[in-house]
Amino acid sequence: MIKSELVLKIAEANPHLYQRDIENIVNAILDEIVNAMAKGDRVELRGFGAFSVKSRPARIGRNPRTGAHVPVDEKFVPFFKTGKDMRLRLNKPTA
């Protein structure tokens, strides 16, 4: 599902709201998550999951085309861990 599909789903479930307002709300939520992560904060949405930032240390990598060793700088990457409710819904026991 992409963001525009999410907005349409929410609009279908809430016909009393304008689609442009829903789009602004979704954008505001995602922007706040990104801003918090950029500050190094952890964002937890109970039942859904937690967004955090992990640090990957500098290392020596390898260019796959030439095989030459190249330095790779330290970087920060986003990390998502699912919440318990989501994990249970995704792994429903089959009868």
C-alpha atoms as a PDB file:
ATOM      1  CA  MET A   1       0.000   0.000   0.000  1.00  0.00           C
ATOM      2  CA  ILE A   2       1.304   3.435  -0.890  1.00  0.00           C
ATOM      3  CA  LYS A   3       0.475   6.705   0.837  1.00  0.00           C
ATOM      4  CA  SER A   4      -2.208   7.734  -1.667  1.00  0.00           C
ATOM      5  CA  GLU A   5      -3.958   4.364  -1.211  1.00  0.00           C
ATOM      6  CA  LEU A   6      -3.860   4.849   2.551  1.00  0.00           C
ATOM      7  CA  VAL A   7      -5.452   8.283   2.173  1.00  0.00           C
ATOM      8  CA  LEU A   8      -8.197   6.814  -0.039  1.00  0.00           C
ATOM      9  CA  LYS A   9      -8.889   4.013   2.479  1.00  0.00           C
ATOM     10  CA  ILE A  10      -9.214   6.505   5.322  1.00  0.00           C
ATOM     11  CA  ALA A  11     -11.436   8.746   3.158  1.00  0.00           C
ATOM     12  CA  GLU A  12     -13.748   5.802   2.399  1.00  0.00           C
ATOM     13  CA  ALA A  13     -14.055   5.007   6.098  1.00  0.00           C
ATOM     14  CA  ASN A  14     -14.654   8.684   6.982  1.00  0.00           C
ATOM     15  CA  PRO A  15     -16.906  10.245   4.309  1.00  0.00           C
ATOM     16  CA  HIS A  16     -17.479  13.324   6.497  1.00  0.00           C
ATOM     17  CA  LEU A  17     -13.821  14.375   6.062  1.00  0.00           C
ATOM     18  CA  TYR A  18     -12.321  15.990   2.986  1.00  0.00           C
ATOM     19  CA  GLN A  19      -9.643  13.981   1.205  1.00  0.00           C
ATOM     20  CA  ARG A  20      -7.216  16.918   1.248  1.00  0.00           C
ATOM     21  CA  ASP A  21      -7.588  17.163   5.042  1.00  0.00           C
ATOM     22  CA  ILE A  22      -6.878  13.441   5.422  1.00  0.00           C
ATOM     23  CA  GLU A  23      -3.815  13.812   3.203  1.00  0.00           C
ATOM     24  CA  ASN A  24      -2.578  16.698   5.372  1.00  0.00           C
ATOM     25  CA  ILE A  25      -3.094  14.624   8.527  1.00  0.00           C
ATOM     26  CA  VAL A  26      -1.228  11.606   7.110  1.00  0.00           C
ATOM     27  CA  ASN A  27       1.629  13.852   5.944  1.00  0.00           C
ATOM     28  CA  ALA A  28       1.797  15.558   9.347  1.00  0.00           C
ATOM     29  CA  ILE A  29       2.003  12.215  11.167  1.00  0.00           C
ATOM     30  CA  LEU A  30       4.730  10.880   8.875  1.00  0.00           C
ATOM     31  CA  ASP A  31       6.667  14.163   9.057  1.00  0.00           C
ATOM     32  CA  GLU A  32       6.609  14.074  12.860  1.00  0.00           C
ATOM     33  CA  ILE A  33       7.875  10.495  12.876  1.00  0.00           C
ATOM     34  CA  VAL A  34      10.732  11.465  10.539  1.00  0.00           C
ATOM     35  CA  ASN A  35      11.548  14.610  12.561  1.00  0.00           C
ATOM     36  CA  ALA A  36      11.670  12.643  15.820  1.00  0.00           C
ATOM     37  CA  MET A  37      13.933  10.012  14.266  1.00  0.00           C
ATOM     38  CA  ALA A  38      16.193  12.724  12.823  1.00  0.00           C
ATOM     39  CA  LYS A  39      16.688  13.965  16.414  1.00  0.00           C
ATOM     40  CA  GLY A  40      17.581  10.434  17.478  1.00  0.00           C
ATOM     41  CA  ASP A  41      14.296   9.796  19.298  1.00  0.00           C
ATOM     42  CA  ARG A  42      12.364   6.547  19.259  1.00  0.00           C
ATOM     43  CA  VAL A  43       8.730   6.623  18.077  1.00  0.00           C
ATOM     44  CA  GLU A  44       6.448   3.961  19.497  1.00  0.00           C
ATOM     45  CA  LEU A  45       2.898   3.345  18.269  1.00  0.00           C
ATOM     46  CA  ARG A  46       1.343   0.833  20.688  1.00  0.00           C
ATOM     47  CA  GLY A  47       0.088  -2.275  18.937  1.00  0.00           C
ATOM     48  CA  PHE A  48       1.735  -1.253  15.655  1.00  0.00           C
ATOM     49  CA  GLY A  49       5.437  -1.009  16.343  1.00  0.00           C
ATOM     50  CA  ALA A  50       8.406   1.188  17.120  1.00  0.00           C
ATOM     51  CA  PHE A  51      10.600   3.242  14.822  1.00  0.00           C
ATOM     52  CA  SER A  52      14.179   3.908  15.875  1.00  0.00           C
ATOM     53  CA  VAL A  53      17.555   4.810  14.420  1.00  0.00           C
ATOM     54  CA  LYS A  54      20.505   2.437  14.476  1.00  0.00           C
ATOM     55  CA  SER A  55      24.120   3.382  13.884  1.00  0.00           C
ATOM     56  CA  ARG A  56      26.271   1.401  11.494  1.00  0.00           C
ATOM     57  CA  PRO A  57      29.976   1.936  12.174  1.00  0.00           C
ATOM     58  CA  ALA A  58      32.518   2.863   9.519  1.00  0.00           C
ATOM     59  CA  ARG A  59      34.064  -0.120   7.757  1.00  0.00           C
ATOM     60  CA  ILE A  60      36.066  -1.193   4.747  1.00  0.00           C
ATOM     61  CA  GLY A  61      33.787  -2.341   1.926  1.00  0.00           C
ATOM     62  CA  ARG A  62      34.471  -3.846  -1.462  1.00  0.00           C
ATOM     63  CA  ASN A  63      33.564  -2.522  -4.896  1.00  0.00           C
ATOM     64  CA  PRO A  64      31.758  -5.484  -6.512  1.00  0.00           C
ATOM     65  CA  ARG A  65      32.801  -4.468 -10.032  1.00  0.00           C
ATOM     66  CA  THR A  66      36.518  -4.037  -9.448  1.00  0.00           C
ATOM     67  CA  GLY A  67      37.035  -5.859  -6.156  1.00  0.00           C
ATOM     68  CA  ALA A  68      38.897  -2.835  -4.773  1.00  0.00           C
ATOM     69  CA  HIS A  69      38.605  -2.026  -1.066  1.00  0.00           C
ATOM     70  CA  VAL A  70      36.743   1.214  -0.370  1.00  0.00           C
ATOM     71  CA  PRO A  71      36.078   3.015   2.915  1.00  0.00           C
ATOM     72  CA  VAL A  72      32.420   3.205   3.931  1.00  0.00           C
ATOM     73  CA  ASP A  73      31.530   6.014   6.334  1.00  0.00           C
ATOM     74  CA  GLU A  74      29.493   5.581   9.506  1.00  0.00           C
ATOM     75  CA  LYS A  75      25.794   5.954   8.823  1.00  0.00           C
ATOM     76  CA  PHE A  76      22.475   5.928  10.589  1.00  0.00           C
ATOM     77  CA  VAL A  77      19.654   3.748   9.294  1.00  0.00           C
ATOM     78  CA  PRO A  78      15.955   3.584  10.204  1.00  0.00           C
ATOM     79  CA  PHE A  79      14.802   0.480  12.042  1.00  0.00           C
ATOM     80  CA  PHE A  80      11.258  -0.782  12.625  1.00  0.00           C
ATOM     81  CA  LYS A  81      10.229  -3.392  15.154  1.00  0.00           C
ATOM     82  CA  THR A  82       6.668  -4.675  15.014  1.00  0.00           C
ATOM     83  CA  GLY A  83       4.419  -4.484  18.028  1.00  0.00           C
ATOM     84  CA  LYS A  84       2.975  -7.550  19.710  1.00  0.00           C
ATOM     85  CA  ASP A  85      -0.555  -7.011  18.340  1.00  0.00           C
ATOM     86  CA  MET A  86       0.688  -6.718  14.765  1.00  0.00           C
ATOM     87  CA  ARG A  87       2.937  -9.746  15.124  1.00  0.00           C
ATOM     88  CA  LEU A  88       0.019 -11.813  16.446  1.00  0.00           C
ATOM     89  CA  ARG A  89      -2.284 -10.696  13.614  1.00  0.00           C
ATOM     90  CA  LEU A  90       0.342 -11.510  10.989  1.00  0.00           C
ATOM     91  CA  ASN A  91       1.037 -14.946  12.456  1.00  0.00           C
ATOM     92  CA  LYS A  92      -2.476 -16.220  13.069  1.00  0.00           C
ATOM     93  CA  PRO A  93      -2.488 -19.916  13.858  1.00  0.00           C
ATOM     94  CA  THR A  94      -3.929 -21.929  10.986  1.00  0.00           C
ATOM     95  CA  ALA A  95      -6.652 -24.444  11.803  1.00  0.00           C
END
